[in-house]
Amino acid sequence: MDGRIWREYNFFLLGCVLILLSISLISVYSATLNAVTAFGTPLSILFPRHMINILVGLIGMVVVTLFDYRLLSSLTLPLYLLTIGVLALVHLLGTISEGAQSWIALGTRTFQPSEFAKIALIMVLAAYWSHFEETRNHWLT
């Protein structure tokens, strides 16, 4: 691994993330203790699931950290078009939950395409504004 990555890494931010994750582990543990005593749900199901989610999130954070963000500019338009297509699929394949047809079911999991659309919109706007970088500061002229 390139040593430059570690020299430029923001360890303060990593420390803050790890502190927040530790607080979340303590909170989930204390909340699941009440669920164990009240409902008889075994702690071996609830707490490890949260730990697995944290581990997946940390792995995702490392992958995103090592990913070259400049590559995203070439993926912006295809990702945006794919997101619009998936949003259109909601009308055909969407499941109704709490009165809104905004979820797509994939096996036992469901997801809301509008959450991906938010990220795609941010990427499209960033690519658009970076393309017009020269005229960005001259809006009034």
C-alpha atoms as a PDB file:
ATOM      1  CA  MET A   1       0.000   0.000   0.000  1.00  0.00           C
ATOM      2  CA  ASP A   2       1.231   3.472  -0.826  1.00  0.00           C
ATOM      3  CA  GLY A   3       2.638   5.282   2.208  1.00  0.00           C
ATOM      4  CA  ARG A   4       1.299   8.575   0.854  1.00  0.00           C
ATOM      5  CA  ILE A   5      -2.252   7.455   1.592  1.00  0.00           C
ATOM      6  CA  TRP A   6      -1.491   7.013   5.272  1.00  0.00           C
ATOM      7  CA  ARG A   7       0.408  10.319   5.509  1.00  0.00           C
ATOM      8  CA  GLU A   8      -2.597  12.189   4.125  1.00  0.00           C
ATOM      9  CA  TYR A   9      -5.195  10.182   6.048  1.00  0.00           C
ATOM     10  CA  ASN A  10      -7.364  12.104   8.493  1.00  0.00           C
ATOM     11  CA  PHE A  11      -6.827  10.134  11.701  1.00  0.00           C
ATOM     12  CA  PHE A  12      -8.796  12.672  13.738  1.00  0.00           C
ATOM     13  CA  LEU A  13     -11.889  11.919  11.670  1.00  0.00           C
ATOM     14  CA  LEU A  14     -11.259   8.173  12.027  1.00  0.00           C
ATOM     15  CA  GLY A  15     -10.978   8.618  15.802  1.00  0.00           C
ATOM     16  CA  CYS A  16     -14.282  10.515  15.912  1.00  0.00           C
ATOM     17  CA  VAL A  17     -15.978   7.767  13.890  1.00  0.00           C
ATOM     18  CA  LEU A  18     -14.614   5.067  16.200  1.00  0.00           C
ATOM     19  CA  ILE A  19     -15.778   6.981  19.294  1.00  0.00           C
ATOM     20  CA  LEU A  20     -19.283   7.343  17.835  1.00  0.00           C
ATOM     21  CA  LEU A  21     -19.340   3.646  16.947  1.00  0.00           C
ATOM     22  CA  SER A  22     -18.313   2.767  20.503  1.00  0.00           C
ATOM     23  CA  ILE A  23     -21.135   4.907  21.865  1.00  0.00           C
ATOM     24  CA  SER A  24     -23.570   3.191  19.502  1.00  0.00           C
ATOM     25  CA  LEU A  25     -22.397  -0.240  20.680  1.00  0.00           C
ATOM     26  CA  ILE A  26     -22.977   0.734  24.303  1.00  0.00           C
ATOM     27  CA  SER A  27     -26.404   2.187  23.452  1.00  0.00           C
ATOM     28  CA  VAL A  28     -27.537  -0.867  21.492  1.00  0.00           C
ATOM     29  CA  TYR A  29     -26.248  -3.196  24.193  1.00  0.00           C
ATOM     30  CA  SER A  30     -28.131  -1.343  26.931  1.00  0.00           C
ATOM     31  CA  ALA A  31     -31.298  -1.126  24.815  1.00  0.00           C
ATOM     32  CA  THR A  32     -31.215  -4.815  23.924  1.00  0.00           C
ATOM     33  CA  LEU A  33     -30.840  -5.816  27.561  1.00  0.00           C
ATOM     34  CA  ASN A  34     -34.325  -4.405  28.175  1.00  0.00           C
ATOM     35  CA  ALA A  35     -35.646  -6.269  25.127  1.00  0.00           C
ATOM     36  CA  VAL A  36     -34.130  -9.482  26.429  1.00  0.00           C
ATOM     37  CA  THR A  37     -35.805  -9.162  29.803  1.00  0.00           C
ATOM     38  CA  ALA A  38     -39.158  -7.868  28.505  1.00  0.00           C
ATOM     39  CA  PHE A  39     -39.723  -9.964  25.383  1.00  0.00           C
ATOM     40  CA  GLY A  40     -37.390 -12.895  25.859  1.00  0.00           C
ATOM     41  CA  THR A  41     -35.480 -12.084  22.657  1.00  0.00           C
ATOM     42  CA  PRO A  42     -32.001 -13.568  22.911  1.00  0.00           C
ATOM     43  CA  LEU A  43     -29.193 -11.049  23.072  1.00  0.00           C
ATOM     44  CA  SER A  44     -27.202 -13.277  20.755  1.00  0.00           C
ATOM     45  CA  ILE A  45     -29.361 -12.068  17.828  1.00  0.00           C
ATOM     46  CA  LEU A  46     -29.658  -8.309  18.328  1.00  0.00           C
ATOM     47  CA  PHE A  47     -26.230  -7.164  19.486  1.00  0.00           C
ATOM     48  CA  PRO A  48     -24.104  -9.195  17.013  1.00  0.00           C
ATOM     49  CA  ARG A  49     -26.275  -7.961  14.142  1.00  0.00           C
ATOM     50  CA  HIS A  50     -25.355  -4.397  15.088  1.00  0.00           C
ATOM     51  CA  MET A  51     -21.682  -5.361  15.292  1.00  0.00           C
ATOM     52  CA  ILE A  52     -21.873  -6.905  11.803  1.00  0.00           C
ATOM     53  CA  ASN A  53     -23.473  -3.717  10.463  1.00  0.00           C
ATOM     54  CA  ILE A  54     -20.645  -1.692  11.997  1.00  0.00           C
ATOM     55  CA  LEU A  55     -18.049  -3.994  10.456  1.00  0.00           C
ATOM     56  CA  VAL A  56     -19.666  -3.712   7.014  1.00  0.00           C
ATOM     57  CA  GLY A  57     -19.741   0.069   7.398  1.00  0.00           C
ATOM     58  CA  LEU A  58     -16.069   0.220   8.377  1.00  0.00           C
ATOM     59  CA  ILE A  59     -15.101  -1.957   5.411  1.00  0.00           C
ATOM     60  CA  GLY A  60     -17.145   0.332   3.162  1.00  0.00           C
ATOM     61  CA  MET A  61     -15.403   3.353   4.657  1.00  0.00           C
ATOM     62  CA  VAL A  62     -11.974   1.865   3.896  1.00  0.00           C
ATOM     63  CA  VAL A  63     -13.001   1.008   0.323  1.00  0.00           C
ATOM     64  CA  VAL A  64     -14.325   4.522  -0.270  1.00  0.00           C
ATOM     65  CA  THR A  65     -11.175   6.011   1.260  1.00  0.00           C
ATOM     66  CA  LEU A  66      -8.928   4.052  -1.103  1.00  0.00           C
ATOM     67  CA  PHE A  67     -11.108   4.759  -4.155  1.00  0.00           C
ATOM     68  CA  ASP A  68      -9.903   7.462  -6.551  1.00  0.00           C
ATOM     69  CA  TYR A  69     -12.682  10.035  -6.483  1.00  0.00           C
ATOM     70  CA  ARG A  70     -11.709  11.398  -9.922  1.00  0.00           C
ATOM     71  CA  LEU A  71     -13.009   8.178 -11.465  1.00  0.00           C
ATOM     72  CA  LEU A  72     -16.497   9.090 -10.249  1.00  0.00           C
ATOM     73  CA  SER A  73     -16.752  11.984 -12.689  1.00  0.00           C
ATOM     74  CA  SER A  74     -16.756   9.545 -15.608  1.00  0.00           C
ATOM     75  CA  LEU A  75     -19.405   7.402 -13.894  1.00  0.00           C
ATOM     76  CA  THR A  76     -21.736  10.284 -13.077  1.00  0.00           C
ATOM     77  CA  LEU A  77     -23.947  10.232 -16.169  1.00  0.00           C
ATOM     78  CA  PRO A  78     -24.407   6.423 -16.325  1.00  0.00           C
ATOM     79  CA  LEU A  79     -25.143   6.321 -12.598  1.00  0.00           C
ATOM     80  CA  TYR A  80     -27.651   9.143 -12.935  1.00  0.00           C
ATOM     81  CA  LEU A  81     -29.424   7.470 -15.868  1.00  0.00           C
ATOM     82  CA  LEU A  82     -29.483   4.157 -13.988  1.00  0.00           C
ATOM     83  CA  THR A  83     -30.987   5.896 -10.968  1.00  0.00           C
ATOM     84  CA  ILE A  84     -33.707   7.495 -13.091  1.00  0.00           C
ATOM     85  CA  GLY A  85     -34.465   4.078 -14.591  1.00  0.00           C
ATOM     86  CA  VAL A  86     -34.745   2.465 -11.162  1.00  0.00           C
ATOM     87  CA  LEU A  87     -36.992   5.314 -10.003  1.00  0.00           C
ATOM     88  CA  ALA A  88     -39.235   4.585 -12.996  1.00  0.00           C
ATOM     89  CA  LEU A  89     -39.285   0.903 -12.023  1.00  0.00           C
ATOM     90  CA  VAL A  90     -40.854   1.843  -8.700  1.00  0.00           C
ATOM     91  CA  HIS A  91     -44.132   2.472 -10.531  1.00  0.00           C
ATOM     92  CA  LEU A  92     -44.020  -1.003 -12.072  1.00  0.00           C
ATOM     93  CA  LEU A  93     -42.405  -3.178  -9.409  1.00  0.00           C
ATOM     94  CA  GLY A  94     -42.732  -1.076  -6.282  1.00  0.00           C
ATOM     95  CA  THR A  95     -44.283  -2.427  -3.117  1.00  0.00           C
ATOM     96  CA  ILE A  96     -46.684  -0.404  -1.027  1.00  0.00           C
ATOM     97  CA  SER A  97     -45.547   0.221   2.520  1.00  0.00           C
ATOM     98  CA  GLU A  98     -47.456   2.509   4.886  1.00  0.00           C
ATOM     99  CA  GLY A  99     -49.479   3.960   2.034  1.00  0.00           C
ATOM    100  CA  ALA A 100     -46.549   4.826  -0.243  1.00  0.00           C
ATOM    101  CA  GLN A 101     -45.351   2.878  -3.247  1.00  0.00           C
ATOM    102  CA  SER A 102     -41.704   3.835  -2.904  1.00  0.00           C
ATOM    103  CA  TRP A 103     -39.926   0.564  -2.146  1.00  0.00           C
ATOM    104  CA  ILE A 104     -38.495  -2.135  -4.410  1.00  0.00           C
ATOM    105  CA  ALA A 105     -38.232  -5.658  -3.007  1.00  0.00           C
ATOM    106  CA  LEU A 106     -35.223  -7.820  -3.836  1.00  0.00           C
ATOM    107  CA  GLY A 107     -35.791 -11.162  -2.183  1.00  0.00           C
ATOM    108  CA  THR A 108     -36.180 -10.569   1.533  1.00  0.00           C
ATOM    109  CA  ARG A 109     -34.658  -7.086   1.366  1.00  0.00           C
ATOM    110  CA  THR A 110     -36.294  -3.849   0.281  1.00  0.00           C
ATOM    111  CA  PHE A 111     -34.722  -0.544  -0.655  1.00  0.00           C
ATOM    112  CA  GLN A 112     -35.837   2.944  -1.572  1.00  0.00           C
ATOM    113  CA  PRO A 113     -34.381   4.143  -4.889  1.00  0.00           C
ATOM    114  CA  SER A 114     -34.948   7.746  -3.863  1.00  0.00           C
ATOM    115  CA  GLU A 115     -32.055   7.427  -1.399  1.00  0.00           C
ATOM    116  CA  PHE A 116     -29.710   6.530  -4.270  1.00  0.00           C
ATOM    117  CA  ALA A 117     -31.203   9.380  -6.299  1.00  0.00           C
ATOM    118  CA  LYS A 118     -30.066  11.861  -3.657  1.00  0.00           C
ATOM    119  CA  ILE A 119     -26.468  10.696  -4.007  1.00  0.00           C
ATOM    120  CA  ALA A 120     -26.686  10.649  -7.811  1.00  0.00           C
ATOM    121  CA  LEU A 121     -28.075  14.194  -7.845  1.00  0.00           C
ATOM    122  CA  ILE A 122     -25.199  15.419  -5.676  1.00  0.00           C
ATOM    123  CA  MET A 123     -22.726  13.775  -8.053  1.00  0.00           C
ATOM    124  CA  VAL A 124     -24.398  15.280 -11.142  1.00  0.00           C
ATOM    125  CA  LEU A 125     -24.441  18.772  -9.653  1.00  0.00           C
ATOM    126  CA  ALA A 126     -20.796  18.480  -8.582  1.00  0.00           C
ATOM    127  CA  ALA A 127     -19.788  17.332 -12.079  1.00  0.00           C
ATOM    128  CA  TYR A 128     -21.826  20.116 -13.673  1.00  0.00           C
ATOM    129  CA  TRP A 129     -20.332  22.827 -11.478  1.00  0.00           C
ATOM    130  CA  SER A 130     -16.791  21.505 -11.879  1.00  0.00           C
ATOM    131  CA  HIS A 131     -17.264  21.530 -15.661  1.00  0.00           C
ATOM    132  CA  PHE A 132     -18.086  25.245 -15.557  1.00  0.00           C
ATOM    133  CA  GLU A 133     -15.378  26.105 -13.043  1.00  0.00           C
ATOM    134  CA  GLU A 134     -14.142  29.146 -14.966  1.00  0.00           C
ATOM    135  CA  THR A 135     -17.525  30.863 -15.040  1.00  0.00           C
ATOM    136  CA  ARG A 136     -18.586  29.775 -11.572  1.00  0.00           C
ATOM    137  CA  ASN A 137     -17.387  32.985  -9.908  1.00  0.00           C
ATOM    138  CA  HIS A 138     -18.899  35.256 -12.550  1.00  0.00           C
ATOM    139  CA  TRP A 139     -22.615  34.590 -12.178  1.00  0.00           C
ATOM    140  CA  LEU A 140     -23.528  38.263 -12.165  1.00  0.00           C
ATOM    141  CA  THR A 141     -21.720  39.112 -15.406  1.00  0.00           C
END
